[in-house]
Structures are given as C-alpha cells and as structure tokens.
C-alpha cells in the first residue's frame, strides 16, 4: 500500500528534524502546509511534485554531506 503525501512528509520531518512550518516554507512557500494537510487539505498534483522534489533534493544534499538535520532553532538556542 502506498503512503500518502502526509505520511511521507511526517517521515521526512522526523528524518530531517525540521519543524513543520520551516518545511512548508522551504518546500512550497507555505508555512501552514503541514498543519493544513493534517487538517484534511487535499494537495494538487503540482504541489505534490514540488514537495517530493524538495525532499529528494534535501536527501541528496544530506547524502553528499552538504546539509545536516536542522532541528528546531528554538531548542538549539537553549543548549
């Protein structure tokens, strides 16, 4: 069974330690993307492609050693 876009995003958020609003802003310039999807928003085909492209590029950059998991800047500042 194929996972939904939201399931793939949730897995990516765990993998990247990226806050949902940062992800939405970086992927499609919509900081509410993840919360809207969690609330039942149905993404169009173009949005799905943009989100998948962002996640694939991020993973390729991480594999090449050019990015690290971001984490939440609010919690990093406290350490």
C-alpha atoms as a PDB file:
ATOM      1  CA  UNK A   1       0.000   0.000   0.000  1.00  0.00           C
ATOM      2  CA  UNK A   2       1.386   3.382  -0.990  1.00  0.00           C
ATOM      3  CA  UNK A   3       1.849   6.006   1.690  1.00  0.00           C
ATOM      4  CA  UNK A   4       0.056   9.316   1.420  1.00  0.00           C
ATOM      5  CA  UNK A   5       1.887  12.590   0.907  1.00  0.00           C
ATOM      6  CA  UNK A   6       1.261  13.499   4.546  1.00  0.00           C
ATOM      7  CA  UNK A   7       2.765  10.199   5.723  1.00  0.00           C
ATOM      8  CA  UNK A   8       5.850  10.804   3.572  1.00  0.00           C
ATOM      9  CA  UNK A   9       6.147  14.354   4.925  1.00  0.00           C
ATOM     10  CA  UNK A  10       5.806  13.165   8.531  1.00  0.00           C
ATOM     11  CA  UNK A  11       8.601  10.629   7.956  1.00  0.00           C
ATOM     12  CA  UNK A  12      10.743  13.350   6.373  1.00  0.00           C
ATOM     13  CA  UNK A  13      10.154  15.701   9.321  1.00  0.00           C
ATOM     14  CA  UNK A  14      11.446  13.022  11.699  1.00  0.00           C
ATOM     15  CA  UNK A  15      14.398  12.248   9.455  1.00  0.00           C
ATOM     16  CA  UNK A  16      15.397  15.881   8.986  1.00  0.00           C
ATOM     17  CA  UNK A  17      14.404  17.157  12.453  1.00  0.00           C
ATOM     18  CA  UNK A  18      12.808  20.056  10.575  1.00  0.00           C
ATOM     19  CA  UNK A  19       9.860  21.896  12.116  1.00  0.00           C
ATOM     20  CA  UNK A  20       6.675  21.660  10.028  1.00  0.00           C
ATOM     21  CA  UNK A  21       6.469  25.395   9.359  1.00  0.00           C
ATOM     22  CA  UNK A  22      10.093  25.531   8.177  1.00  0.00           C
ATOM     23  CA  UNK A  23       9.425  22.582   5.885  1.00  0.00           C
ATOM     24  CA  UNK A  24       6.324  24.138   4.365  1.00  0.00           C
ATOM     25  CA  UNK A  25       8.030  27.466   3.830  1.00  0.00           C
ATOM     26  CA  UNK A  26      11.092  25.873   2.222  1.00  0.00           C
ATOM     27  CA  UNK A  27       9.177  23.390   0.072  1.00  0.00           C
ATOM     28  CA  UNK A  28       6.264  25.460  -1.245  1.00  0.00           C
ATOM     29  CA  UNK A  29       6.443  28.870   0.475  1.00  0.00           C
ATOM     30  CA  UNK A  30       3.523  27.939   2.729  1.00  0.00           C
ATOM     31  CA  UNK A  31       4.349  27.675   6.438  1.00  0.00           C
ATOM     32  CA  UNK A  32       0.872  26.239   7.113  1.00  0.00           C
ATOM     33  CA  UNK A  33       1.198  23.391   4.613  1.00  0.00           C
ATOM     34  CA  UNK A  34       1.705  20.570   7.117  1.00  0.00           C
ATOM     35  CA  UNK A  35      -0.969  21.778   9.530  1.00  0.00           C
ATOM     36  CA  UNK A  36      -3.412  22.194   6.631  1.00  0.00           C
ATOM     37  CA  UNK A  37      -2.643  18.686   5.347  1.00  0.00           C
ATOM     38  CA  UNK A  38      -3.128  17.324   8.856  1.00  0.00           C
ATOM     39  CA  UNK A  39      -6.489  19.098   8.853  1.00  0.00           C
ATOM     40  CA  UNK A  40      -7.610  17.447   5.630  1.00  0.00           C
ATOM     41  CA  UNK A  41      -6.307  19.710   2.851  1.00  0.00           C
ATOM     42  CA  UNK A  42      -6.005  17.862  -0.454  1.00  0.00           C
ATOM     43  CA  UNK A  43      -2.851  18.846  -2.361  1.00  0.00           C
ATOM     44  CA  UNK A  44      -2.866  19.184  -6.128  1.00  0.00           C
ATOM     45  CA  UNK A  45      -0.516  17.382  -8.463  1.00  0.00           C
ATOM     46  CA  UNK A  46       1.860  20.314  -8.847  1.00  0.00           C
ATOM     47  CA  UNK A  47       2.163  20.743  -5.073  1.00  0.00           C
ATOM     48  CA  UNK A  48       2.859  17.042  -4.625  1.00  0.00           C
ATOM     49  CA  UNK A  49       5.649  17.275  -7.214  1.00  0.00           C
ATOM     50  CA  UNK A  50       7.167  20.350  -5.541  1.00  0.00           C
ATOM     51  CA  UNK A  51       7.111  18.734  -2.098  1.00  0.00           C
ATOM     52  CA  UNK A  52       8.588  15.457  -3.360  1.00  0.00           C
ATOM     53  CA  UNK A  53      11.266  17.374  -5.272  1.00  0.00           C
ATOM     54  CA  UNK A  54      12.224  19.346  -2.155  1.00  0.00           C
ATOM     55  CA  UNK A  55      12.514  16.180  -0.055  1.00  0.00           C
ATOM     56  CA  UNK A  56      14.553  14.381  -2.731  1.00  0.00           C
ATOM     57  CA  UNK A  57      16.954  17.311  -3.161  1.00  0.00           C
ATOM     58  CA  UNK A  58      17.385  17.638   0.630  1.00  0.00           C
ATOM     59  CA  UNK A  59      18.154  13.920   0.942  1.00  0.00           C
ATOM     60  CA  UNK A  60      20.653  14.076  -1.928  1.00  0.00           C
ATOM     61  CA  UNK A  61      22.371  17.087  -0.332  1.00  0.00           C
ATOM     62  CA  UNK A  62      22.481  15.322   3.033  1.00  0.00           C
ATOM     63  CA  UNK A  63      23.901  12.176   1.433  1.00  0.00           C
ATOM     64  CA  UNK A  64      26.596  14.356  -0.165  1.00  0.00           C
ATOM     65  CA  UNK A  65      27.365  15.843   3.267  1.00  0.00           C
ATOM     66  CA  UNK A  66      26.197  19.348   2.447  1.00  0.00           C
ATOM     67  CA  UNK A  67      23.307  19.548   4.934  1.00  0.00           C
ATOM     68  CA  UNK A  68      22.667  18.202   8.389  1.00  0.00           C
ATOM     69  CA  UNK A  69      19.373  17.757  10.216  1.00  0.00           C
ATOM     70  CA  UNK A  70      18.248  21.248  11.169  1.00  0.00           C
ATOM     71  CA  UNK A  71      16.292  20.709  14.326  1.00  0.00           C
ATOM     72  CA  UNK A  72      14.255  23.439  15.912  1.00  0.00           C
ATOM     73  CA  UNK A  73      16.214  26.666  16.299  1.00  0.00           C
ATOM     74  CA  UNK A  74      14.323  27.486  19.479  1.00  0.00           C
ATOM     75  CA  UNK A  75      15.636  24.357  21.230  1.00  0.00           C
ATOM     76  CA  UNK A  76      19.154  24.691  19.793  1.00  0.00           C
ATOM     77  CA  UNK A  77      19.482  28.220  21.179  1.00  0.00           C
ATOM     78  CA  UNK A  78      18.843  26.938  24.706  1.00  0.00           C
ATOM     79  CA  UNK A  79      21.717  24.446  24.688  1.00  0.00           C
END
